[in-house]
Amino acid sequence: MKNLNIELPALPYMMEEAFKKLKINFQFVGNDTKKILITSSIPNEGKSFVAVQLWQMLAESGSKTLFLDLDMRNSVLIKRLNMEFEDGNPVGIDYYLSGQCEYEDVIYKTNVEHGDFIPCINLLENPTSLIEDHRFEELLERLSKEYRYIIIDSAPLASAADANVIATMSDGAVFVVRNEYTSRKLIRTSIQQLEQIHCKLLGVVLNRESVSSKSYGKYGYYGYDGYYRGDREDK
């Protein structure tokens, strides 16, 4: 397995505590819940940030966890995480799904203990056909046998069909909402999309809400009708 070094930002205390609660709740989702989609309605709601932090915390808690970057239209994680590949010619999920490399070539061991990563190297204009290919479904099935959790970052639901296709093959989804940014109508439509394809909604994360120290007790992640509160703006 090849090595990949990533830089993860230090979180403010209150945000770190909120993610710890999110992680704890995930440890009670059941052993059959492995393939977890992290998505949102539109870009800039914070889904990638939430996905990375959840991946890191689950891995550091001792669960073998893999991050799968499937936002192949607009991934920014290579730059954002300052990725340094041991291999001078890295390959990622885009290479694998197009048949240019094999399973062992795309999984990277990172400097996060118990945390492996499948990056997206090149952006694609229309990756939906690759996601619909049997090769992707076979990849998920193999990963689910080797990892306790697979955290999947995808394009937003309203931006492309990608997330809907991925959701049909996932065990559940976490839906990220940016406070005072996304319309309620769009949020309802996105959640209905997940329901229509029978993708279990594991919870809703409310991002970028101003929280004072007096409301610290309101931090948390409570499942479908609950929320995680944060204050970070990311894709």
C-alpha atoms as a PDB file:
ATOM      1  CA  MET A   1       0.000   0.000   0.000  1.00  0.00           C
ATOM      2  CA  LYS A   2       1.330   3.436  -0.953  1.00  0.00           C
ATOM      3  CA  ASN A   3       1.666   6.289   1.526  1.00  0.00           C
ATOM      4  CA  LEU A   4      -0.084   9.648   1.554  1.00  0.00           C
ATOM      5  CA  ASN A   5       0.590  12.502   3.958  1.00  0.00           C
ATOM      6  CA  ILE A   6      -2.207  14.950   4.663  1.00  0.00           C
ATOM      7  CA  GLU A   7      -2.469  18.069   6.811  1.00  0.00           C
ATOM      8  CA  LEU A   8      -5.538  18.341   8.993  1.00  0.00           C
ATOM      9  CA  PRO A   9      -6.406  21.677  10.627  1.00  0.00           C
ATOM     10  CA  ALA A  10      -6.629  21.991  14.383  1.00  0.00           C
ATOM     11  CA  LEU A  11     -10.216  22.615  15.436  1.00  0.00           C
ATOM     12  CA  PRO A  12     -11.485  25.070  18.062  1.00  0.00           C
ATOM     13  CA  TYR A  13     -12.374  23.289  21.280  1.00  0.00           C
ATOM     14  CA  MET A  14     -16.147  23.596  20.928  1.00  0.00           C
ATOM     15  CA  MET A  15     -16.115  22.369  17.348  1.00  0.00           C
ATOM     16  CA  GLU A  16     -13.912  19.424  18.270  1.00  0.00           C
ATOM     17  CA  GLU A  17     -16.341  18.484  21.033  1.00  0.00           C
ATOM     18  CA  ALA A  18     -19.236  18.653  18.585  1.00  0.00           C
ATOM     19  CA  PHE A  19     -17.494  16.295  16.196  1.00  0.00           C
ATOM     20  CA  LYS A  20     -16.746  13.939  19.062  1.00  0.00           C
ATOM     21  CA  LYS A  21     -20.483  13.722  19.706  1.00  0.00           C
ATOM     22  CA  LEU A  22     -21.045  13.069  16.017  1.00  0.00           C
ATOM     23  CA  LYS A  23     -18.485  10.272  16.138  1.00  0.00           C
ATOM     24  CA  ILE A  24     -20.056   8.714  19.238  1.00  0.00           C
ATOM     25  CA  ASN A  25     -23.454   8.624  17.572  1.00  0.00           C
ATOM     26  CA  PHE A  26     -21.951   6.883  14.568  1.00  0.00           C
ATOM     27  CA  GLN A  27     -20.654   4.135  16.761  1.00  0.00           C
ATOM     28  CA  PHE A  28     -24.289   3.167  17.437  1.00  0.00           C
ATOM     29  CA  VAL A  29     -25.569   3.043  13.848  1.00  0.00           C
ATOM     30  CA  GLY A  30     -25.186  -0.735  13.700  1.00  0.00           C
ATOM     31  CA  ASN A  31     -22.614  -3.085  12.247  1.00  0.00           C
ATOM     32  CA  ASP A  32     -24.361  -3.248   8.885  1.00  0.00           C
ATOM     33  CA  THR A  33     -23.998   0.501   8.330  1.00  0.00           C
ATOM     34  CA  LYS A  34     -20.619   0.819   6.658  1.00  0.00           C
ATOM     35  CA  LYS A  35     -20.951   2.772   3.418  1.00  0.00           C
ATOM     36  CA  ILE A  36     -21.869   6.285   4.503  1.00  0.00           C
ATOM     37  CA  LEU A  37     -22.576   9.086   2.049  1.00  0.00           C
ATOM     38  CA  ILE A  38     -21.905  12.679   3.143  1.00  0.00           C
ATOM     39  CA  THR A  39     -23.802  15.104   0.952  1.00  0.00           C
ATOM     40  CA  SER A  40     -25.677  18.412   0.793  1.00  0.00           C
ATOM     41  CA  SER A  41     -28.146  20.198  -1.458  1.00  0.00           C
ATOM     42  CA  ILE A  42     -25.741  22.648  -3.093  1.00  0.00           C
ATOM     43  CA  PRO A  43     -22.001  23.522  -2.977  1.00  0.00           C
ATOM     44  CA  ASN A  44     -20.392  25.495  -0.131  1.00  0.00           C
ATOM     45  CA  GLU A  45     -22.435  23.965   2.681  1.00  0.00           C
ATOM     46  CA  GLY A  46     -19.478  22.257   4.375  1.00  0.00           C
ATOM     47  CA  LYS A  47     -19.983  18.617   3.389  1.00  0.00           C
ATOM     48  CA  SER A  48     -16.331  17.910   2.562  1.00  0.00           C
ATOM     49  CA  PHE A  49     -15.171  19.453   5.824  1.00  0.00           C
ATOM     50  CA  VAL A  50     -17.647  17.354   7.802  1.00  0.00           C
ATOM     51  CA  ALA A  51     -16.681  14.229   5.859  1.00  0.00           C
ATOM     52  CA  VAL A  52     -12.955  14.667   6.518  1.00  0.00           C
ATOM     53  CA  GLN A  53     -13.414  15.368  10.214  1.00  0.00           C
ATOM     54  CA  LEU A  54     -15.728  12.396  10.688  1.00  0.00           C
ATOM     55  CA  TRP A  55     -13.298  10.125   8.829  1.00  0.00           C
ATOM     56  CA  GLN A  56     -10.404  11.301  10.998  1.00  0.00           C
ATOM     57  CA  MET A  57     -12.232  10.838  14.289  1.00  0.00           C
ATOM     58  CA  LEU A  58     -13.604   7.414  13.449  1.00  0.00           C
ATOM     59  CA  ALA A  59     -10.152   6.254  12.360  1.00  0.00           C
ATOM     60  CA  GLU A  60      -8.402   7.676  15.417  1.00  0.00           C
ATOM     61  CA  SER A  61     -10.947   5.945  17.659  1.00  0.00           C
ATOM     62  CA  GLY A  62      -9.568   2.639  16.374  1.00  0.00           C
ATOM     63  CA  SER A  63     -12.070   1.817  13.620  1.00  0.00           C
ATOM     64  CA  LYS A  64     -10.529   0.942  10.276  1.00  0.00           C
ATOM     65  CA  THR A  65     -11.949   3.728   8.113  1.00  0.00           C
ATOM     66  CA  LEU A  66     -11.556   4.699   4.467  1.00  0.00           C
ATOM     67  CA  PHE A  67     -12.296   8.084   2.874  1.00  0.00           C
ATOM     68  CA  LEU A  68     -13.562   7.836  -0.702  1.00  0.00           C
ATOM     69  CA  ASP A  69     -13.476  11.114  -2.627  1.00  0.00           C
ATOM     70  CA  LEU A  70     -16.248  10.821  -5.197  1.00  0.00           C
ATOM     71  CA  ASP A  71     -16.800  14.538  -5.768  1.00  0.00           C
ATOM     72  CA  MET A  72     -15.162  14.063  -9.144  1.00  0.00           C
ATOM     73  CA  ARG A  73     -16.650  17.238 -10.596  1.00  0.00           C
ATOM     74  CA  ASN A  74     -15.278  19.667  -8.040  1.00  0.00           C
ATOM     75  CA  SER A  75     -12.993  18.034  -5.474  1.00  0.00           C
ATOM     76  CA  VAL A  76     -10.583  20.401  -3.761  1.00  0.00           C
ATOM     77  CA  LEU A  77      -9.182  18.033  -1.149  1.00  0.00           C
ATOM     78  CA  ILE A  78      -5.737  17.518  -2.689  1.00  0.00           C
ATOM     79  CA  LYS A  79      -5.051  21.227  -2.310  1.00  0.00           C
ATOM     80  CA  ARG A  80      -7.004  21.800   0.888  1.00  0.00           C
ATOM     81  CA  LEU A  81      -5.320  18.958   2.765  1.00  0.00           C
ATOM     82  CA  ASN A  82      -1.887  19.662   1.215  1.00  0.00           C
ATOM     83  CA  MET A  83      -1.626  16.057   0.097  1.00  0.00           C
ATOM     84  CA  GLU A  84       1.867  14.693  -0.457  1.00  0.00           C
ATOM     85  CA  PHE A  85       1.967  11.406  -2.368  1.00  0.00           C
ATOM     86  CA  GLU A  86       4.854   8.999  -1.896  1.00  0.00           C
ATOM     87  CA  ASP A  87       4.388   7.989  -5.517  1.00  0.00           C
ATOM     88  CA  GLY A  88       5.309  10.762  -7.952  1.00  0.00           C
ATOM     89  CA  ASN A  89       2.533   9.639 -10.321  1.00  0.00           C
ATOM     90  CA  PRO A  90      -0.492   9.168  -8.073  1.00  0.00           C
ATOM     91  CA  VAL A  91      -3.706   7.553  -9.254  1.00  0.00           C
ATOM     92  CA  GLY A  92      -7.153   7.818  -7.739  1.00  0.00           C
ATOM     93  CA  ILE A  93     -10.789   6.879  -8.049  1.00  0.00           C
ATOM     94  CA  ASP A  94     -11.001   8.502 -11.498  1.00  0.00           C
ATOM     95  CA  TYR A  95      -8.272   6.163 -12.782  1.00  0.00           C
ATOM     96  CA  TYR A  96      -9.829   3.106 -11.169  1.00  0.00           C
ATOM     97  CA  LEU A  97     -13.361   3.645 -12.470  1.00  0.00           C
ATOM     98  CA  SER A  98     -12.065   4.262 -15.991  1.00  0.00           C
ATOM     99  CA  GLY A  99     -10.159   0.964 -15.877  1.00  0.00           C
ATOM    100  CA  GLN A 100      -6.663   2.486 -15.882  1.00  0.00           C
ATOM    101  CA  CYS A 101      -5.539   0.886 -12.599  1.00  0.00           C
ATOM    102  CA  GLU A 102      -6.538  -1.774 -10.095  1.00  0.00           C
ATOM    103  CA  TYR A 103      -7.853  -1.891  -6.544  1.00  0.00           C
ATOM    104  CA  GLU A 104      -4.477  -2.028  -4.833  1.00  0.00           C
ATOM    105  CA  ASP A 105      -3.249   1.000  -6.780  1.00  0.00           C
ATOM    106  CA  VAL A 106      -5.770   3.528  -5.469  1.00  0.00           C
ATOM    107  CA  ILE A 107      -5.768   2.898  -1.707  1.00  0.00           C
ATOM    108  CA  TYR A 108      -3.327   5.051   0.235  1.00  0.00           C
ATOM    109  CA  LYS A 109      -2.230   4.639   3.816  1.00  0.00           C
ATOM    110  CA  THR A 110      -2.237   8.057   5.491  1.00  0.00           C
ATOM    111  CA  ASN A 111      -0.589   9.571   8.545  1.00  0.00           C
ATOM    112  CA  VAL A 112      -3.959   9.202  10.314  1.00  0.00           C
ATOM    113  CA  GLU A 113      -3.815   5.904  12.194  1.00  0.00           C
ATOM    114  CA  HIS A 114      -6.360   3.382  10.881  1.00  0.00           C
ATOM    115  CA  GLY A 115      -7.337   5.904   8.191  1.00  0.00           C
ATOM    116  CA  ASP A 116      -6.888   5.080   4.490  1.00  0.00           C
ATOM    117  CA  PHE A 117      -7.789   7.295   1.541  1.00  0.00           C
ATOM    118  CA  ILE A 118      -8.876   6.982  -2.085  1.00  0.00           C
ATOM    119  CA  PRO A 119      -8.333  10.427  -3.654  1.00  0.00           C
ATOM    120  CA  CYS A 120      -9.708  12.008  -6.779  1.00  0.00           C
ATOM    121  CA  ILE A 121      -6.778  13.104  -8.948  1.00  0.00           C
ATOM    122  CA  ASN A 122      -8.468  14.600 -12.016  1.00  0.00           C
ATOM    123  CA  LEU A 123     -11.795  16.431 -12.256  1.00  0.00           C
ATOM    124  CA  LEU A 124     -14.303  15.092 -14.763  1.00  0.00           C
ATOM    125  CA  GLU A 125     -17.157  16.848 -16.525  1.00  0.00           C
ATOM    126  CA  ASN A 126     -19.527  13.887 -16.439  1.00  0.00           C
ATOM    127  CA  PRO A 127     -18.521  11.076 -14.068  1.00  0.00           C
ATOM    128  CA  THR A 128     -22.060   9.715 -13.643  1.00  0.00           C
ATOM    129  CA  SER A 129     -21.561   6.942 -16.199  1.00  0.00           C
ATOM    130  CA  LEU A 130     -18.451   5.778 -14.320  1.00  0.00           C
ATOM    131  CA  ILE A 131     -20.350   5.690 -11.026  1.00  0.00           C
ATOM    132  CA  GLU A 132     -23.140   3.685 -12.645  1.00  0.00           C
ATOM    133  CA  ASP A 133     -20.676   1.093 -13.936  1.00  0.00           C
ATOM    134  CA  HIS A 134     -20.470  -2.300 -12.227  1.00  0.00           C
ATOM    135  CA  ARG A 135     -16.842  -1.568 -11.402  1.00  0.00           C
ATOM    136  CA  PHE A 136     -17.913   0.986  -8.798  1.00  0.00           C
ATOM    137  CA  GLU A 137     -20.406  -1.323  -7.120  1.00  0.00           C
ATOM    138  CA  GLU A 138     -17.772  -4.050  -6.957  1.00  0.00           C
ATOM    139  CA  LEU A 139     -15.359  -1.576  -5.370  1.00  0.00           C
ATOM    140  CA  LEU A 140     -17.839  -0.684  -2.633  1.00  0.00           C
ATOM    141  CA  GLU A 141     -18.542  -4.317  -1.881  1.00  0.00           C
ATOM    142  CA  ARG A 142     -14.853  -5.121  -1.548  1.00  0.00           C
ATOM    143  CA  LEU A 143     -14.214  -2.072   0.628  1.00  0.00           C
ATOM    144  CA  SER A 144     -17.112  -2.979   2.916  1.00  0.00           C
ATOM    145  CA  LYS A 145     -15.421  -6.310   3.630  1.00  0.00           C
ATOM    146  CA  GLU A 146     -12.130  -4.662   4.579  1.00  0.00           C
ATOM    147  CA  TYR A 147     -13.219  -1.513   6.443  1.00  0.00           C
ATOM    148  CA  ARG A 148     -15.571  -0.774   9.325  1.00  0.00           C
ATOM    149  CA  TYR A 149     -16.553   2.542   7.752  1.00  0.00           C
ATOM    150  CA  ILE A 150     -16.340   3.969   4.241  1.00  0.00           C
ATOM    151  CA  ILE A 151     -16.921   7.732   4.299  1.00  0.00           C
ATOM    152  CA  ILE A 152     -18.022   8.879   0.838  1.00  0.00           C
ATOM    153  CA  ASP A 153     -17.853  12.517  -0.244  1.00  0.00           C
ATOM    154  CA  SER A 154     -19.967  13.202  -3.330  1.00  0.00           C
ATOM    155  CA  ALA A 155     -21.260  16.055  -5.435  1.00  0.00           C
ATOM    156  CA  PRO A 156     -24.286  17.868  -3.905  1.00  0.00           C
ATOM    157  CA  LEU A 157     -27.699  16.387  -4.609  1.00  0.00           C
ATOM    158  CA  ALA A 158     -29.020  19.354  -6.571  1.00  0.00           C
ATOM    159  CA  SER A 159     -25.876  19.760  -8.662  1.00  0.00           C
ATOM    160  CA  ALA A 160     -25.744  16.402 -10.441  1.00  0.00           C
ATOM    161  CA  ALA A 161     -27.128  12.883 -10.477  1.00  0.00           C
ATOM    162  CA  ASP A 162     -23.933  11.492  -8.931  1.00  0.00           C
ATOM    163  CA  ALA A 163     -25.071  11.615  -5.305  1.00  0.00           C
ATOM    164  CA  ASN A 164     -28.372   9.920  -6.092  1.00  0.00           C
ATOM    165  CA  VAL A 165     -26.593   7.022  -7.794  1.00  0.00           C
ATOM    166  CA  ILE A 166     -24.128   6.684  -4.918  1.00  0.00           C
ATOM    167  CA  ALA A 167     -26.954   6.843  -2.372  1.00  0.00           C
ATOM    168  CA  THR A 168     -28.607   3.767  -3.886  1.00  0.00           C
ATOM    169  CA  MET A 169     -25.458   1.783  -3.043  1.00  0.00           C
ATOM    170  CA  SER A 170     -24.863   3.320   0.399  1.00  0.00           C
ATOM    171  CA  ASP A 171     -26.035   2.100   3.787  1.00  0.00           C
ATOM    172  CA  GLY A 172     -27.047   5.590   4.845  1.00  0.00           C
ATOM    173  CA  ALA A 173     -26.446   9.289   4.345  1.00  0.00           C
ATOM    174  CA  VAL A 174     -25.541  12.320   6.440  1.00  0.00           C
ATOM    175  CA  PHE A 175     -27.069  15.499   5.092  1.00  0.00           C
ATOM    176  CA  VAL A 176     -25.155  18.769   5.631  1.00  0.00           C
ATOM    177  CA  VAL A 177     -27.057  22.068   5.731  1.00  0.00           C
ATOM    178  CA  ARG A 178     -25.422  25.482   5.902  1.00  0.00           C
ATOM    179  CA  ASN A 179     -27.308  27.769   8.258  1.00  0.00           C
ATOM    180  CA  GLU A 180     -29.224  30.631   6.598  1.00  0.00           C
ATOM    181  CA  TYR A 181     -27.838  29.649   3.203  1.00  0.00           C
ATOM    182  CA  THR A 182     -30.005  26.881   1.788  1.00  0.00           C
ATOM    183  CA  SER A 183     -33.742  27.343   1.310  1.00  0.00           C
ATOM    184  CA  ARG A 184     -36.107  25.114   3.253  1.00  0.00           C
ATOM    185  CA  LYS A 185     -37.773  24.101   0.018  1.00  0.00           C
ATOM    186  CA  LEU A 186     -34.478  22.851  -1.400  1.00  0.00           C
ATOM    187  CA  ILE A 187     -33.670  21.037   1.830  1.00  0.00           C
ATOM    188  CA  ARG A 188     -37.034  19.264   1.762  1.00  0.00           C
ATOM    189  CA  THR A 189     -36.564  18.353  -1.891  1.00  0.00           C
ATOM    190  CA  SER A 190     -33.108  16.895  -1.214  1.00  0.00           C
ATOM    191  CA  ILE A 191     -34.307  14.822   1.724  1.00  0.00           C
ATOM    192  CA  GLN A 192     -37.231  13.569  -0.350  1.00  0.00           C
ATOM    193  CA  GLN A 193     -34.756  12.490  -3.029  1.00  0.00           C
ATOM    194  CA  LEU A 194     -32.968  10.317  -0.497  1.00  0.00           C
ATOM    195  CA  GLU A 195     -36.255   8.889   0.762  1.00  0.00           C
ATOM    196  CA  GLN A 196     -37.452   8.067  -2.754  1.00  0.00           C
ATOM    197  CA  ILE A 197     -34.372   5.964  -3.450  1.00  0.00           C
ATOM    198  CA  HIS A 198     -34.657   4.317  -0.025  1.00  0.00           C
ATOM    199  CA  CYS A 199     -31.399   5.696   1.331  1.00  0.00           C
ATOM    200  CA  LYS A 200     -31.572   5.861   5.116  1.00  0.00           C
ATOM    201  CA  LEU A 201     -30.998   9.368   6.474  1.00  0.00           C
ATOM    202  CA  LEU A 202     -28.654   8.898   9.421  1.00  0.00           C
ATOM    203  CA  GLY A 203     -28.713  12.536  10.470  1.00  0.00           C
ATOM    204  CA  VAL A 204     -28.613  16.202   9.564  1.00  0.00           C
ATOM    205  CA  VAL A 205     -25.584  18.400  10.236  1.00  0.00           C
ATOM    206  CA  LEU A 206     -26.232  22.120  10.659  1.00  0.00           C
ATOM    207  CA  ASN A 207     -23.099  24.024   9.700  1.00  0.00           C
ATOM    208  CA  ARG A 208     -21.943  27.638  10.176  1.00  0.00           C
ATOM    209  CA  GLU A 209     -24.285  28.597  12.939  1.00  0.00           C
ATOM    210  CA  SER A 210     -22.994  31.211  15.362  1.00  0.00           C
ATOM    211  CA  VAL A 211     -22.944  29.598  18.787  1.00  0.00           C
ATOM    212  CA  SER A 212     -22.163  31.395  22.017  1.00  0.00           C
ATOM    213  CA  SER A 213     -20.597  29.746  25.034  1.00  0.00           C
ATOM    214  CA  LYS A 214     -23.998  29.853  26.761  1.00  0.00           C
ATOM    215  CA  SER A 215     -25.460  27.567  24.127  1.00  0.00           C
ATOM    216  CA  TYR A 216     -22.623  25.064  24.209  1.00  0.00           C
ATOM    217  CA  GLY A 217     -24.980  22.475  25.643  1.00  0.00           C
ATOM    218  CA  LYS A 218     -26.937  22.580  22.398  1.00  0.00           C
ATOM    219  CA  TYR A 219     -24.038  21.175  20.448  1.00  0.00           C
ATOM    220  CA  GLY A 220     -24.738  17.719  19.203  1.00  0.00           C
ATOM    221  CA  TYR A 221     -25.851  15.315  16.546  1.00  0.00           C
ATOM    222  CA  TYR A 222     -29.201  13.727  17.227  1.00  0.00           C
ATOM    223  CA  GLY A 223     -30.150  11.864  14.080  1.00  0.00           C
ATOM    224  CA  TYR A 224     -32.814  12.732  11.533  1.00  0.00           C
ATOM    225  CA  ASP A 225     -34.480  15.530  13.500  1.00  0.00           C
ATOM    226  CA  GLY A 226     -31.362  16.726  15.239  1.00  0.00           C
ATOM    227  CA  TYR A 227     -28.282  18.621  14.239  1.00  0.00           C
ATOM    228  CA  TYR A 228     -24.603  19.171  14.630  1.00  0.00           C
ATOM    229  CA  ARG A 229     -23.670  22.815  15.052  1.00  0.00           C
ATOM    230  CA  GLY A 230     -20.436  24.215  13.675  1.00  0.00           C
ATOM    231  CA  ASP A 231     -19.000  27.442  12.395  1.00  0.00           C
ATOM    232  CA  ARG A 232     -16.804  26.455   9.488  1.00  0.00           C
ATOM    233  CA  GLU A 233     -17.303  27.334   5.814  1.00  0.00           C
ATOM    234  CA  ASP A 234     -16.098  24.682   3.406  1.00  0.00           C
ATOM    235  CA  LYS A 235     -17.255  22.825   0.358  1.00  0.00           C
END
